[in-house]
N, C-alpha and C. Protein backbone atom coordinates (compact mmCIF):
# COMPACT_ATOMS: atom_id res chain seq x y z
N UNK A 1 23.58 -22.42 -169.13
CA UNK A 1 23.80 -20.99 -169.03
C UNK A 1 22.47 -20.25 -168.82
N UNK A 2 21.45 -20.67 -169.53
CA UNK A 2 20.15 -20.03 -169.40
C UNK A 2 19.58 -20.26 -168.00
N UNK A 3 19.80 -21.46 -167.47
CA UNK A 3 19.32 -21.76 -166.12
C UNK A 3 20.01 -20.88 -165.08
N UNK A 4 21.31 -20.65 -165.27
CA UNK A 4 22.03 -19.80 -164.32
C UNK A 4 21.49 -18.37 -164.36
N UNK A 5 21.16 -17.87 -165.54
CA UNK A 5 20.58 -16.54 -165.65
C UNK A 5 19.24 -16.44 -164.94
N UNK A 6 18.44 -17.48 -165.10
CA UNK A 6 17.13 -17.49 -164.42
C UNK A 6 17.32 -17.57 -162.91
N UNK A 7 18.31 -18.34 -162.47
CA UNK A 7 18.57 -18.44 -161.03
C UNK A 7 19.05 -17.10 -160.46
N UNK A 8 19.93 -16.41 -161.19
CA UNK A 8 20.40 -15.10 -160.72
C UNK A 8 19.28 -14.08 -160.73
N UNK A 9 18.42 -14.15 -161.72
CA UNK A 9 17.25 -13.27 -161.74
C UNK A 9 16.37 -13.53 -160.53
N UNK A 10 16.13 -14.80 -160.22
CA UNK A 10 15.32 -15.15 -159.05
C UNK A 10 15.98 -14.70 -157.76
N UNK A 11 17.30 -14.87 -157.66
CA UNK A 11 18.02 -14.44 -156.45
C UNK A 11 17.95 -12.92 -156.30
N UNK A 12 18.08 -12.20 -157.41
CA UNK A 12 17.99 -10.75 -157.35
C UNK A 12 16.62 -10.28 -156.93
N UNK A 13 15.59 -10.90 -157.49
CA UNK A 13 14.22 -10.53 -157.11
C UNK A 13 13.96 -10.87 -155.64
N UNK A 14 14.52 -11.97 -155.16
CA UNK A 14 14.39 -12.33 -153.75
C UNK A 14 15.03 -11.27 -152.86
N UNK A 15 16.20 -10.79 -153.25
CA UNK A 15 16.87 -9.76 -152.46
C UNK A 15 16.10 -8.44 -152.49
N UNK A 16 15.53 -8.08 -153.62
CA UNK A 16 14.72 -6.87 -153.70
C UNK A 16 13.52 -6.99 -152.76
N UNK A 17 12.86 -8.14 -152.79
CA UNK A 17 11.72 -8.36 -151.89
C UNK A 17 12.14 -8.33 -150.44
N UNK A 18 13.29 -8.93 -150.14
CA UNK A 18 13.78 -8.95 -148.77
C UNK A 18 14.11 -7.55 -148.28
N UNK A 19 14.73 -6.74 -149.14
CA UNK A 19 15.05 -5.35 -148.76
C UNK A 19 13.79 -4.56 -148.44
N UNK A 20 12.76 -4.73 -149.26
CA UNK A 20 11.50 -4.05 -148.99
C UNK A 20 10.83 -4.56 -147.72
N UNK A 21 10.88 -5.87 -147.52
CA UNK A 21 10.28 -6.47 -146.33
C UNK A 21 10.99 -5.99 -145.06
N UNK A 22 12.32 -5.84 -145.13
CA UNK A 22 13.05 -5.32 -143.97
C UNK A 22 12.57 -3.92 -143.60
N UNK A 23 12.34 -3.08 -144.60
CA UNK A 23 11.85 -1.72 -144.32
C UNK A 23 10.45 -1.75 -143.70
N UNK A 24 9.61 -2.66 -144.18
CA UNK A 24 8.27 -2.80 -143.60
C UNK A 24 8.37 -3.24 -142.15
N UNK A 25 9.27 -4.18 -141.85
CA UNK A 25 9.44 -4.63 -140.47
C UNK A 25 9.94 -3.51 -139.56
N UNK A 26 10.85 -2.71 -140.06
CA UNK A 26 11.34 -1.57 -139.26
C UNK A 26 10.20 -0.61 -138.97
N UNK A 27 9.37 -0.34 -139.99
CA UNK A 27 8.23 0.54 -139.78
C UNK A 27 7.24 -0.07 -138.80
N UNK A 28 6.95 -1.36 -138.93
CA UNK A 28 5.98 -2.02 -138.06
C UNK A 28 6.44 -2.04 -136.61
N UNK A 29 7.74 -2.11 -136.40
CA UNK A 29 8.26 -2.14 -135.03
C UNK A 29 8.05 -0.80 -134.32
N UNK A 30 7.98 0.28 -135.09
CA UNK A 30 7.85 1.61 -134.49
C UNK A 30 6.63 2.36 -135.01
N UNK A 31 5.62 1.68 -135.45
CA UNK A 31 4.47 2.32 -136.11
C UNK A 31 3.73 3.30 -135.21
N UNK A 32 3.68 3.05 -133.93
CA UNK A 32 2.92 3.92 -133.05
C UNK A 32 3.61 5.27 -132.84
N UNK A 33 4.91 5.39 -133.14
CA UNK A 33 5.64 6.63 -132.89
C UNK A 33 5.93 7.43 -134.15
N UNK A 34 5.53 6.95 -135.31
CA UNK A 34 6.01 7.52 -136.57
C UNK A 34 4.86 8.07 -137.40
N UNK A 35 5.08 9.26 -137.94
CA UNK A 35 4.11 9.87 -138.85
C UNK A 35 4.62 9.95 -140.28
N UNK A 36 5.96 9.94 -140.47
CA UNK A 36 6.52 10.02 -141.82
C UNK A 36 7.85 9.27 -141.89
N UNK A 37 8.37 9.15 -143.10
CA UNK A 37 9.59 8.36 -143.30
C UNK A 37 10.82 9.05 -142.70
N UNK A 38 10.81 10.36 -142.62
CA UNK A 38 11.96 11.07 -142.05
C UNK A 38 12.09 10.79 -140.56
N UNK A 39 10.98 10.72 -139.86
CA UNK A 39 11.01 10.36 -138.45
C UNK A 39 11.51 8.92 -138.28
N UNK A 40 11.07 8.04 -139.16
CA UNK A 40 11.51 6.64 -139.13
C UNK A 40 13.03 6.56 -139.31
N UNK A 41 13.56 7.31 -140.27
CA UNK A 41 15.01 7.29 -140.50
C UNK A 41 15.78 7.89 -139.33
N UNK A 42 15.19 8.88 -138.65
CA UNK A 42 15.85 9.47 -137.48
C UNK A 42 15.87 8.50 -136.30
N UNK A 43 14.82 7.71 -136.13
CA UNK A 43 14.74 6.78 -135.00
C UNK A 43 15.52 5.48 -135.24
N UNK A 44 15.79 5.15 -136.49
CA UNK A 44 16.48 3.91 -136.82
C UNK A 44 17.98 4.19 -136.93
N UNK A 45 18.82 3.38 -136.30
CA UNK A 45 20.27 3.58 -136.45
C UNK A 45 20.70 3.47 -137.92
N UNK A 46 21.71 4.25 -138.28
CA UNK A 46 22.15 4.30 -139.68
C UNK A 46 22.61 2.94 -140.19
N UNK A 47 23.30 2.15 -139.35
CA UNK A 47 23.80 0.87 -139.84
C UNK A 47 22.66 -0.09 -140.16
N UNK A 48 21.56 -0.02 -139.47
CA UNK A 48 20.42 -0.89 -139.79
C UNK A 48 19.73 -0.40 -141.06
N UNK A 49 19.57 0.91 -141.19
CA UNK A 49 18.93 1.44 -142.40
C UNK A 49 19.80 1.14 -143.63
N UNK A 50 21.13 1.19 -143.47
CA UNK A 50 22.02 0.89 -144.59
C UNK A 50 21.96 -0.58 -144.99
N UNK A 51 21.74 -1.49 -144.07
CA UNK A 51 21.61 -2.90 -144.40
C UNK A 51 20.43 -3.11 -145.35
N UNK A 52 19.32 -2.47 -145.07
CA UNK A 52 18.16 -2.62 -145.94
C UNK A 52 18.42 -2.02 -147.32
N UNK A 53 19.11 -0.88 -147.36
CA UNK A 53 19.42 -0.26 -148.65
C UNK A 53 20.38 -1.11 -149.46
N UNK A 54 21.39 -1.68 -148.82
CA UNK A 54 22.36 -2.53 -149.52
C UNK A 54 21.67 -3.78 -150.06
N UNK A 55 20.77 -4.37 -149.29
CA UNK A 55 20.04 -5.55 -149.75
C UNK A 55 19.18 -5.20 -150.97
N UNK A 56 18.49 -4.09 -150.90
CA UNK A 56 17.63 -3.66 -152.01
C UNK A 56 18.44 -3.37 -153.27
N UNK A 57 19.49 -2.59 -153.15
CA UNK A 57 20.32 -2.24 -154.31
C UNK A 57 21.05 -3.45 -154.84
N UNK A 58 21.53 -4.32 -153.96
CA UNK A 58 22.21 -5.55 -154.40
C UNK A 58 21.28 -6.43 -155.23
N UNK A 59 20.04 -6.52 -154.83
CA UNK A 59 19.07 -7.30 -155.60
C UNK A 59 18.81 -6.70 -156.95
N UNK A 60 18.75 -5.38 -157.03
CA UNK A 60 18.54 -4.72 -158.32
C UNK A 60 19.74 -4.94 -159.23
N UNK A 61 20.95 -4.84 -158.67
CA UNK A 61 22.17 -5.03 -159.46
C UNK A 61 22.25 -6.45 -160.00
N UNK A 62 21.85 -7.42 -159.20
CA UNK A 62 21.90 -8.82 -159.65
C UNK A 62 20.81 -9.10 -160.67
N UNK A 63 19.61 -8.61 -160.45
CA UNK A 63 18.47 -8.98 -161.29
C UNK A 63 18.40 -8.21 -162.60
N UNK A 64 18.79 -6.96 -162.63
CA UNK A 64 18.56 -6.11 -163.80
C UNK A 64 19.23 -6.61 -165.08
N UNK A 65 20.51 -6.98 -165.08
CA UNK A 65 21.11 -7.43 -166.35
C UNK A 65 20.43 -8.69 -166.90
N UNK A 66 20.01 -9.56 -166.02
CA UNK A 66 19.38 -10.80 -166.46
C UNK A 66 17.95 -10.56 -166.95
N UNK A 67 17.27 -9.60 -166.35
CA UNK A 67 15.93 -9.27 -166.81
C UNK A 67 16.01 -8.63 -168.20
N UNK A 68 16.99 -7.76 -168.42
CA UNK A 68 17.16 -7.12 -169.72
C UNK A 68 17.51 -8.15 -170.79
N UNK A 69 18.40 -9.09 -170.46
CA UNK A 69 18.83 -10.08 -171.43
C UNK A 69 17.67 -11.01 -171.81
N UNK A 70 16.88 -11.40 -170.85
CA UNK A 70 15.78 -12.33 -171.13
C UNK A 70 14.60 -11.65 -171.82
N UNK A 71 14.48 -10.35 -171.72
CA UNK A 71 13.37 -9.63 -172.32
C UNK A 71 13.46 -9.64 -173.85
N UNK A 72 14.68 -9.61 -174.39
CA UNK A 72 14.87 -9.49 -175.83
C UNK A 72 15.00 -10.84 -176.53
N UNK A 73 14.88 -11.93 -175.81
CA UNK A 73 15.02 -13.26 -176.43
C UNK A 73 13.65 -13.81 -176.73
N UNK A 74 13.31 -13.98 -178.01
CA UNK A 74 11.97 -14.46 -178.36
C UNK A 74 11.75 -15.94 -178.06
N UNK A 75 12.83 -16.70 -177.81
CA UNK A 75 12.64 -18.14 -177.59
C UNK A 75 12.28 -18.48 -176.15
N UNK A 76 12.11 -17.50 -175.27
CA UNK A 76 11.77 -17.80 -173.88
C UNK A 76 10.29 -17.90 -173.71
């Protein structure tokens, strides 16, 4: 059971990192045309921007309960 919690925590952190990395890639693809995040959101189609948000939030939802549970256990 403890191993499964650690695996879910790792998977959640991986998704959080992936969501952030996707946003960096979107910015890097259009860096020469963009001065702020609002311009980036206007140039990027909504369905692509939503994929990065869903990945980021999904990772937080998966990782957060396991991070909280493991924080209060002194035997870890």
